[in-house]
Amino acid sequence: MARATANAVDRSTGANDTILFIPRVARLLGRLVVDPRVPRRAKLKLAGAAAYLALPISIIGTDNHPLLGWLDDLVILLKVLRGLVDDAGEEVLRDNWSGPRAQLDRLVRALRKGDDALNSLVAKIKRALIGDFAPDTRTSMA
């Protein structure tokens, strides 16, 4: 009986952590904006991203491409949050995080992996469009 109760508590705690994840991220961002240890540049990027996401316009229109229309929002959010993690530092993030440490660690890992994947994709697209073109810096003596 005690085991069943413990499993139920574990599941409800996990569900609560999942439900509270978005509000915790929002609270983290709000705390980081007022934390003096976070560079002003990072705060300005966050404010710019928030303004862009709040605007009804989009670089990729949602009328013709409903799912792709959110892609620019996702890319901007990913890049700004990853930059915020790097600029603020993990200690500052931990100090301002209100949830379980493991959840913050997963968030930071996901931001890093997402940004790395995005950078890899952009590099592949560049190579496909312009090739491995690199100006030849060697001079011919012939």
C-alpha atoms as a PDB file:
ATOM      1  CA  MET A   1       0.000   0.000   0.000  1.00  0.00           C
ATOM      2  CA  ALA A   2       2.789   2.408   0.862  1.00  0.00           C
ATOM      3  CA  ARG A   3       4.449   1.691  -2.487  1.00  0.00           C
ATOM      4  CA  ALA A   4       1.268   2.562  -4.423  1.00  0.00           C
ATOM      5  CA  THR A   5       0.941   5.811  -2.484  1.00  0.00           C
ATOM      6  CA  ALA A   6       4.583   6.699  -3.173  1.00  0.00           C
ATOM      7  CA  ASN A   7       4.104   6.032  -6.907  1.00  0.00           C
ATOM      8  CA  ALA A   8       0.989   8.211  -6.959  1.00  0.00           C
ATOM      9  CA  VAL A   9       2.868  11.027  -5.230  1.00  0.00           C
ATOM     10  CA  ASP A  10       5.773  10.684  -7.699  1.00  0.00           C
ATOM     11  CA  ARG A  11       3.384  10.879 -10.649  1.00  0.00           C
ATOM     12  CA  SER A  12       1.488  13.865  -9.261  1.00  0.00           C
ATOM     13  CA  THR A  13       4.745  15.677  -8.511  1.00  0.00           C
ATOM     14  CA  GLY A  14       5.964  14.979 -12.063  1.00  0.00           C
ATOM     15  CA  ALA A  15       2.679  16.214 -13.503  1.00  0.00           C
ATOM     16  CA  ASN A  16       2.832  19.352 -11.359  1.00  0.00           C
ATOM     17  CA  ASP A  17       6.412  20.011 -12.484  1.00  0.00           C
ATOM     18  CA  THR A  18       5.340  19.653 -16.113  1.00  0.00           C
ATOM     19  CA  ILE A  19       2.306  21.901 -15.693  1.00  0.00           C
ATOM     20  CA  LEU A  20       4.359  24.525 -13.859  1.00  0.00           C
ATOM     21  CA  PHE A  21       7.244  24.512 -16.348  1.00  0.00           C
ATOM     22  CA  ILE A  22       6.017  27.411 -18.545  1.00  0.00           C
ATOM     23  CA  PRO A  23       5.143  29.645 -15.568  1.00  0.00           C
ATOM     24  CA  ARG A  24       8.552  28.867 -14.050  1.00  0.00           C
ATOM     25  CA  VAL A  25      10.307  29.850 -17.271  1.00  0.00           C
ATOM     26  CA  ALA A  26       8.272  33.072 -17.386  1.00  0.00           C
ATOM     27  CA  ARG A  27       9.162  33.785 -13.758  1.00  0.00           C
ATOM     28  CA  LEU A  28      12.833  33.041 -14.498  1.00  0.00           C
ATOM     29  CA  LEU A  29      12.847  35.504 -17.400  1.00  0.00           C
ATOM     30  CA  GLY A  30      11.189  38.169 -15.257  1.00  0.00           C
ATOM     31  CA  ARG A  31      13.741  37.679 -12.495  1.00  0.00           C
ATOM     32  CA  LEU A  32      16.649  37.755 -14.944  1.00  0.00           C
ATOM     33  CA  VAL A  33      15.465  41.081 -16.355  1.00  0.00           C
ATOM     34  CA  VAL A  34      15.819  42.714 -12.924  1.00  0.00           C
ATOM     35  CA  ASP A  35      18.943  40.804 -11.818  1.00  0.00           C
ATOM     36  CA  PRO A  36      21.923  43.199 -11.880  1.00  0.00           C
ATOM     37  CA  ARG A  37      24.309  40.323 -12.703  1.00  0.00           C
ATOM     38  CA  VAL A  38      22.722  39.890 -16.138  1.00  0.00           C
ATOM     39  CA  PRO A  39      24.368  42.109 -18.771  1.00  0.00           C
ATOM     40  CA  ARG A  40      22.257  44.936 -20.167  1.00  0.00           C
ATOM     41  CA  ARG A  41      22.858  43.636 -23.721  1.00  0.00           C
ATOM     42  CA  ALA A  42      21.170  40.329 -22.820  1.00  0.00           C
ATOM     43  CA  LYS A  43      18.205  42.160 -21.275  1.00  0.00           C
ATOM     44  CA  LEU A  44      17.792  44.292 -24.400  1.00  0.00           C
ATOM     45  CA  LYS A  45      17.842  41.196 -26.619  1.00  0.00           C
ATOM     46  CA  LEU A  46      15.189  39.595 -24.438  1.00  0.00           C
ATOM     47  CA  ALA A  47      13.024  42.733 -24.586  1.00  0.00           C
ATOM     48  CA  GLY A  48      13.426  42.886 -28.368  1.00  0.00           C
ATOM     49  CA  ALA A  49      12.457  39.226 -28.725  1.00  0.00           C
ATOM     50  CA  ALA A  50       9.430  39.713 -26.486  1.00  0.00           C
ATOM     51  CA  ALA A  51       8.336  42.712 -28.560  1.00  0.00           C
ATOM     52  CA  TYR A  52       8.809  40.794 -31.820  1.00  0.00           C
ATOM     53  CA  LEU A  53       6.857  37.799 -30.518  1.00  0.00           C
ATOM     54  CA  ALA A  54       4.042  40.076 -29.349  1.00  0.00           C
ATOM     55  CA  LEU A  55       3.691  41.777 -32.744  1.00  0.00           C
ATOM     56  CA  PRO A  56       1.054  40.431 -35.109  1.00  0.00           C
ATOM     57  CA  ILE A  57       3.529  40.390 -38.033  1.00  0.00           C
ATOM     58  CA  SER A  58       5.884  37.576 -38.916  1.00  0.00           C
ATOM     59  CA  ILE A  59       8.847  37.157 -41.255  1.00  0.00           C
ATOM     60  CA  ILE A  60       7.268  33.963 -42.565  1.00  0.00           C
ATOM     61  CA  GLY A  61       3.555  34.514 -43.102  1.00  0.00           C
ATOM     62  CA  THR A  62       1.163  32.177 -41.328  1.00  0.00           C
ATOM     63  CA  ASP A  63      -1.551  32.517 -43.980  1.00  0.00           C
ATOM     64  CA  ASN A  64       0.202  30.412 -46.588  1.00  0.00           C
ATOM     65  CA  HIS A  65       2.410  28.376 -44.260  1.00  0.00           C
ATOM     66  CA  PRO A  66       0.675  27.857 -40.907  1.00  0.00           C
ATOM     67  CA  LEU A  67       3.385  25.739 -39.279  1.00  0.00           C
ATOM     68  CA  LEU A  68       6.323  27.458 -40.948  1.00  0.00           C
ATOM     69  CA  GLY A  69       4.901  30.789 -39.827  1.00  0.00           C
ATOM     70  CA  TRP A  70       5.962  30.007 -36.274  1.00  0.00           C
ATOM     71  CA  LEU A  71       9.448  28.961 -37.320  1.00  0.00           C
ATOM     72  CA  ASP A  72      10.887  32.474 -37.166  1.00  0.00           C
ATOM     73  CA  ASP A  73       9.390  32.921 -33.692  1.00  0.00           C
ATOM     74  CA  LEU A  74      10.934  29.659 -32.558  1.00  0.00           C
ATOM     75  CA  VAL A  75      14.350  30.547 -33.990  1.00  0.00           C
ATOM     76  CA  ILE A  76      14.345  33.990 -32.372  1.00  0.00           C
ATOM     77  CA  LEU A  77      13.232  32.594 -29.026  1.00  0.00           C
ATOM     78  CA  LEU A  78      15.819  29.809 -29.157  1.00  0.00           C
ATOM     79  CA  LYS A  79      18.694  32.134 -30.061  1.00  0.00           C
ATOM     80  CA  VAL A  80      17.780  34.755 -27.450  1.00  0.00           C
ATOM     81  CA  LEU A  81      17.265  32.219 -24.645  1.00  0.00           C
ATOM     82  CA  ARG A  82      20.509  30.417 -25.485  1.00  0.00           C
ATOM     83  CA  GLY A  83      22.321  33.756 -25.483  1.00  0.00           C
ATOM     84  CA  LEU A  84      20.730  34.614 -22.159  1.00  0.00           C
ATOM     85  CA  VAL A  85      21.963  31.338 -20.676  1.00  0.00           C
ATOM     86  CA  ASP A  86      25.475  32.051 -21.916  1.00  0.00           C
ATOM     87  CA  ASP A  87      25.465  35.740 -20.922  1.00  0.00           C
ATOM     88  CA  ALA A  88      23.927  35.301 -17.466  1.00  0.00           C
ATOM     89  CA  GLY A  89      25.741  32.115 -16.512  1.00  0.00           C
ATOM     90  CA  GLU A  90      24.328  28.999 -14.964  1.00  0.00           C
ATOM     91  CA  GLU A  91      24.851  30.202 -11.382  1.00  0.00           C
ATOM     92  CA  VAL A  92      22.619  33.224 -11.987  1.00  0.00           C
ATOM     93  CA  LEU A  93      20.032  30.965 -13.642  1.00  0.00           C
ATOM     94  CA  ARG A  94      20.068  28.586 -10.672  1.00  0.00           C
ATOM     95  CA  ASP A  95      19.690  31.483  -8.247  1.00  0.00           C
ATOM     96  CA  ASN A  96      16.584  32.690 -10.090  1.00  0.00           C
ATOM     97  CA  TRP A  97      14.983  29.304 -10.895  1.00  0.00           C
ATOM     98  CA  SER A  98      11.969  28.356  -8.765  1.00  0.00           C
ATOM     99  CA  GLY A  99      11.604  24.715  -9.817  1.00  0.00           C
ATOM    100  CA  PRO A 100      13.568  21.505  -9.468  1.00  0.00           C
ATOM    101  CA  ARG A 101      17.236  21.776 -10.437  1.00  0.00           C
ATOM    102  CA  ALA A 102      16.906  18.816 -12.839  1.00  0.00           C
ATOM    103  CA  GLN A 103      14.231  20.706 -14.776  1.00  0.00           C
ATOM    104  CA  LEU A 104      16.510  23.720 -15.231  1.00  0.00           C
ATOM    105  CA  ASP A 105      19.358  21.428 -16.290  1.00  0.00           C
ATOM    106  CA  ARG A 106      17.084  19.847 -18.932  1.00  0.00           C
ATOM    107  CA  LEU A 107      16.043  23.300 -20.164  1.00  0.00           C
ATOM    108  CA  VAL A 108      19.663  24.450 -20.527  1.00  0.00           C
ATOM    109  CA  ARG A 109      20.620  21.200 -22.300  1.00  0.00           C
ATOM    110  CA  ALA A 110      17.653  21.508 -24.657  1.00  0.00           C
ATOM    111  CA  LEU A 111      18.525  25.126 -25.500  1.00  0.00           C
ATOM    112  CA  ARG A 112      22.127  24.187 -26.237  1.00  0.00           C
ATOM    113  CA  LYS A 113      21.178  21.166 -28.358  1.00  0.00           C
ATOM    114  CA  GLY A 114      18.535  23.149 -30.223  1.00  0.00           C
ATOM    115  CA  ASP A 115      20.933  25.990 -30.939  1.00  0.00           C
ATOM    116  CA  ASP A 116      23.669  23.580 -32.044  1.00  0.00           C
ATOM    117  CA  ALA A 117      21.208  21.812 -34.358  1.00  0.00           C
ATOM    118  CA  LEU A 118      20.063  25.137 -35.791  1.00  0.00           C
ATOM    119  CA  ASN A 119      23.654  26.258 -36.396  1.00  0.00           C
ATOM    120  CA  SER A 120      24.401  22.943 -38.105  1.00  0.00           C
ATOM    121  CA  LEU A 121      21.332  23.301 -40.318  1.00  0.00           C
ATOM    122  CA  VAL A 122      22.285  26.853 -41.298  1.00  0.00           C
ATOM    123  CA  ALA A 123      25.817  25.707 -42.158  1.00  0.00           C
ATOM    124  CA  LYS A 124      24.419  22.908 -44.371  1.00  0.00           C
ATOM    125  CA  ILE A 125      22.110  25.331 -46.148  1.00  0.00           C
ATOM    126  CA  LYS A 126      24.989  27.748 -46.747  1.00  0.00           C
ATOM    127  CA  ARG A 127      27.141  24.948 -48.172  1.00  0.00           C
ATOM    128  CA  ALA A 128      24.281  23.834 -50.400  1.00  0.00           C
ATOM    129  CA  LEU A 129      23.673  27.345 -51.699  1.00  0.00           C
ATOM    130  CA  ILE A 130      27.199  28.659 -52.091  1.00  0.00           C
ATOM    131  CA  GLY A 131      29.308  25.529 -51.736  1.00  0.00           C
ATOM    132  CA  ASP A 132      32.492  25.322 -49.794  1.00  0.00           C
ATOM    133  CA  PHE A 133      33.663  28.500 -51.433  1.00  0.00           C
ATOM    134  CA  ALA A 134      36.601  30.032 -49.690  1.00  0.00           C
ATOM    135  CA  PRO A 135      38.667  32.731 -51.337  1.00  0.00           C
ATOM    136  CA  ASP A 136      42.103  31.517 -52.335  1.00  0.00           C
ATOM    137  CA  THR A 137      44.534  33.514 -50.282  1.00  0.00           C
ATOM    138  CA  ARG A 138      47.576  31.921 -51.852  1.00  0.00           C
ATOM    139  CA  THR A 139      49.318  33.969 -54.474  1.00  0.00           C
ATOM    140  CA  SER A 140      50.742  32.386 -57.548  1.00  0.00           C
ATOM    141  CA  MET A 141      54.458  32.982 -58.173  1.00  0.00           C
ATOM    142  CA  ALA A 142      54.416  31.571 -61.692  1.00  0.00           C
END
